[in-house]
């Protein structure tokens, strides 16, 4: 696509439709993506383990805290991840490549943390955790958030959760 864009811009400049300066600005806006790096892989794995850790924190039930305190703590953690992901995404949009990578990972961890919020809310409301509805709510929230912010990793997790929910729902029926 980048090669096609450069060829078209050269043709447009030759035809006088676009100035040379405008062609340079347009070309600069469309950077060619590179393959995943080792740093991206390590940061992604770290984010996945962090997301699992957050869910594990809820599974441990933080028994020394009350139900409302647990819910508020997990909700604050999730909101903090969402805000941090969006702040880094804004920095990534202004040219910081590492900020873009970290924003993607934080958005993925925020999707995982949303599951912790769902399960902690269910625990606080005394809803049985062995219900496919909770995974379904997590999947819907994950897909909605990921789609809204443009997080491919979150969309993959949301799709995997939706598949898991569907299998669980069918098996229960």
Protein backbone atom coordinates (compact mmCIF):
# COMPACT_ATOMS: atom_id res chain seq x y z
CA UNK A 1 0.00 0.00 0.00
CA UNK A 2 2.86 2.36 0.79
CA UNK A 3 4.42 1.69 -2.61
CA UNK A 4 1.10 2.35 -4.32
CA UNK A 5 0.66 5.59 -2.34
CA UNK A 6 4.14 6.83 -3.28
CA UNK A 7 3.51 6.07 -6.97
CA UNK A 8 0.15 7.82 -6.91
CA UNK A 9 1.62 10.86 -5.16
CA UNK A 10 4.40 11.08 -7.77
CA UNK A 11 1.74 10.95 -10.49
CA UNK A 12 -0.36 13.63 -8.73
CA UNK A 13 2.67 15.89 -8.28
CA UNK A 14 3.49 15.44 -11.98
CA UNK A 15 -0.08 16.32 -12.92
CA UNK A 16 -0.02 19.40 -10.69
CA UNK A 17 -2.81 18.15 -8.42
CA UNK A 18 -0.60 18.14 -5.29
CA UNK A 19 2.48 20.18 -4.42
CA UNK A 20 5.78 18.47 -3.61
CA UNK A 21 5.58 19.68 -0.01
CA UNK A 22 2.08 18.24 0.39
CA UNK A 23 3.25 14.93 -1.05
CA UNK A 24 6.02 14.80 1.55
CA UNK A 25 3.57 15.54 4.36
CA UNK A 26 1.18 12.85 3.12
CA UNK A 27 4.00 10.30 2.82
CA UNK A 28 5.17 11.10 6.36
CA UNK A 29 1.66 10.41 7.71
CA UNK A 30 1.69 6.81 6.47
CA UNK A 31 4.60 4.99 8.05
CA UNK A 32 5.37 1.44 6.97
CA UNK A 33 4.81 -1.01 9.80
CA UNK A 34 7.55 -3.39 10.65
CA UNK A 35 7.49 -6.90 12.04
CA UNK A 36 7.04 -7.46 15.73
CA UNK A 37 10.25 -6.93 17.64
CA UNK A 38 11.67 -8.88 20.55
CA UNK A 39 10.90 -5.92 22.80
CA UNK A 40 7.28 -5.97 21.65
CA UNK A 41 7.05 -9.69 22.34
CA UNK A 42 8.53 -9.35 25.83
CA UNK A 43 6.33 -6.36 26.68
CA UNK A 44 3.27 -8.18 25.32
CA UNK A 45 4.01 -11.28 27.39
CA UNK A 46 4.56 -9.09 30.43
CA UNK A 47 1.21 -7.45 29.83
CA UNK A 48 -0.49 -10.83 29.49
CA UNK A 49 1.04 -11.99 32.79
CA UNK A 50 -0.01 -8.71 34.42
CA UNK A 51 -3.59 -9.24 33.22
CA UNK A 52 -3.59 -12.78 34.60
CA UNK A 53 -2.17 -11.44 37.85
CA UNK A 54 -5.00 -8.93 38.18
CA UNK A 55 -7.58 -11.65 37.70
CA UNK A 56 -5.70 -13.83 40.18
CA UNK A 57 -5.81 -10.96 42.67
CA UNK A 58 -9.60 -11.02 42.45
CA UNK A 59 -9.66 -14.80 42.65
CA UNK A 60 -7.69 -14.58 45.89
CA UNK A 61 -10.61 -12.41 47.05
CA UNK A 62 -8.45 -9.98 49.02
CA UNK A 63 -10.11 -11.42 52.12
CA UNK A 64 -8.78 -8.78 54.50
CA UNK A 65 -10.88 -6.12 52.73
CA UNK A 66 -14.64 -5.72 52.74
CA UNK A 67 -16.74 -6.37 49.64
CA UNK A 68 -17.14 -2.71 48.75
CA UNK A 69 -13.45 -1.97 49.35
CA UNK A 70 -12.45 -4.84 47.07
CA UNK A 71 -14.74 -3.65 44.32
CA UNK A 72 -13.55 -0.04 44.59
CA UNK A 73 -9.90 -1.18 44.54
CA UNK A 74 -10.37 -3.31 41.41
CA UNK A 75 -12.47 -0.60 39.74
CA UNK A 76 -9.80 2.03 40.47
CA UNK A 77 -7.11 -0.28 39.11
CA UNK A 78 -9.11 -0.82 35.90
CA UNK A 79 -9.83 2.89 35.46
CA UNK A 80 -6.15 3.67 36.07
CA UNK A 81 -5.16 1.23 33.33
CA UNK A 82 -7.69 2.74 30.92
CA UNK A 83 -6.46 6.28 31.60
CA UNK A 84 -2.79 5.25 31.37
CA UNK A 85 -3.45 3.46 28.08
CA UNK A 86 -5.16 6.51 26.60
CA UNK A 87 -2.44 8.91 27.79
CA UNK A 88 0.21 6.69 26.20
CA UNK A 89 -1.88 6.39 23.04
CA UNK A 90 -1.92 10.19 22.77
CA UNK A 91 1.87 10.26 23.16
CA UNK A 92 2.19 7.50 20.58
CA UNK A 93 0.06 9.51 18.17
CA UNK A 94 2.54 12.37 18.49
CA UNK A 95 5.43 10.21 17.34
CA UNK A 96 6.73 8.27 20.34
CA UNK A 97 6.95 4.68 19.01
CA UNK A 98 7.53 3.04 22.39
CA UNK A 99 4.50 4.87 23.82
CA UNK A 100 2.35 3.33 21.08
CA UNK A 101 3.58 -0.16 21.99
CA UNK A 102 2.99 0.36 25.70
CA UNK A 103 -0.44 1.85 25.02
CA UNK A 104 -1.44 -1.32 23.17
CA UNK A 105 -0.26 -3.48 26.05
CA UNK A 106 -1.98 -1.32 28.67
CA UNK A 107 -5.21 -1.46 26.69
CA UNK A 108 -4.92 -5.26 26.60
CA UNK A 109 -4.31 -5.35 30.38
CA UNK A 110 -7.31 -3.01 30.84
CA UNK A 111 -9.47 -5.53 28.96
CA UNK A 112 -8.23 -8.28 31.29
CA UNK A 113 -8.80 -6.04 34.31
CA UNK A 114 -12.37 -5.45 33.14
CA UNK A 115 -12.90 -9.15 33.69
CA UNK A 116 -11.64 -8.70 37.24
CA UNK A 117 -14.18 -5.89 37.72
CA UNK A 118 -17.00 -8.12 36.44
CA UNK A 119 -16.06 -11.05 38.66
CA UNK A 120 -15.49 -8.84 41.73
CA UNK A 121 -18.88 -7.19 41.18
CA UNK A 122 -20.44 -10.65 40.95
CA UNK A 123 -18.64 -11.67 44.14
CA UNK A 124 -19.83 -8.52 45.91
CA UNK A 125 -23.41 -9.14 44.76
CA UNK A 126 -23.19 -12.83 45.73
CA UNK A 127 -23.72 -14.00 42.14
CA UNK A 128 -22.26 -17.47 41.51
CA UNK A 129 -18.96 -17.18 39.64
CA UNK A 130 -19.60 -20.42 37.77
CA UNK A 131 -21.97 -18.68 35.37
CA UNK A 132 -21.31 -18.24 31.67
CA UNK A 133 -23.16 -14.90 31.84
CA UNK A 134 -20.17 -13.32 33.58
CA UNK A 135 -17.81 -14.39 30.81
CA UNK A 136 -20.36 -13.14 28.29
CA UNK A 137 -20.48 -9.73 29.97
CA UNK A 138 -16.69 -9.64 30.02
CA UNK A 139 -16.58 -10.50 26.30
CA UNK A 140 -19.12 -7.80 25.37
CA UNK A 141 -17.29 -5.19 27.44
CA UNK A 142 -13.91 -6.27 26.05
CA UNK A 143 -15.11 -6.10 22.45
CA UNK A 144 -16.88 -2.74 22.93
CA UNK A 145 -13.90 -1.10 24.63
CA UNK A 146 -11.35 -2.58 22.24
CA UNK A 147 -13.35 -1.54 19.21
CA UNK A 148 -13.86 1.97 20.59
CA UNK A 149 -10.14 2.58 21.23
CA UNK A 150 -8.80 0.48 18.34
CA UNK A 151 -7.01 -2.21 20.34
CA UNK A 152 -6.40 -5.32 18.19
CA UNK A 153 -5.03 -7.30 21.16
CA UNK A 154 -8.13 -6.49 23.18
CA UNK A 155 -10.35 -7.47 20.26
CA UNK A 156 -8.58 -10.84 20.07
CA UNK A 157 -9.11 -11.38 23.80
CA UNK A 158 -12.75 -10.32 23.49
CA UNK A 159 -13.29 -12.72 20.58
CA UNK A 160 -11.62 -15.55 22.52
CA UNK A 161 -13.84 -14.79 25.53
CA UNK A 162 -16.94 -14.75 23.31
CA UNK A 163 -15.94 -18.14 21.91
CA UNK A 164 -15.34 -19.47 25.41
CA UNK A 165 -18.72 -18.09 26.54
CA UNK A 166 -20.48 -19.70 23.58
CA UNK A 167 -18.94 -23.14 24.24
CA UNK A 168 -19.74 -22.88 27.95
CA UNK A 169 -23.31 -21.77 27.20
CA UNK A 170 -23.83 -24.68 24.79
CA UNK A 171 -22.35 -27.16 27.24
CA UNK A 172 -24.59 -25.87 30.04
CA UNK A 173 -27.67 -26.17 27.86
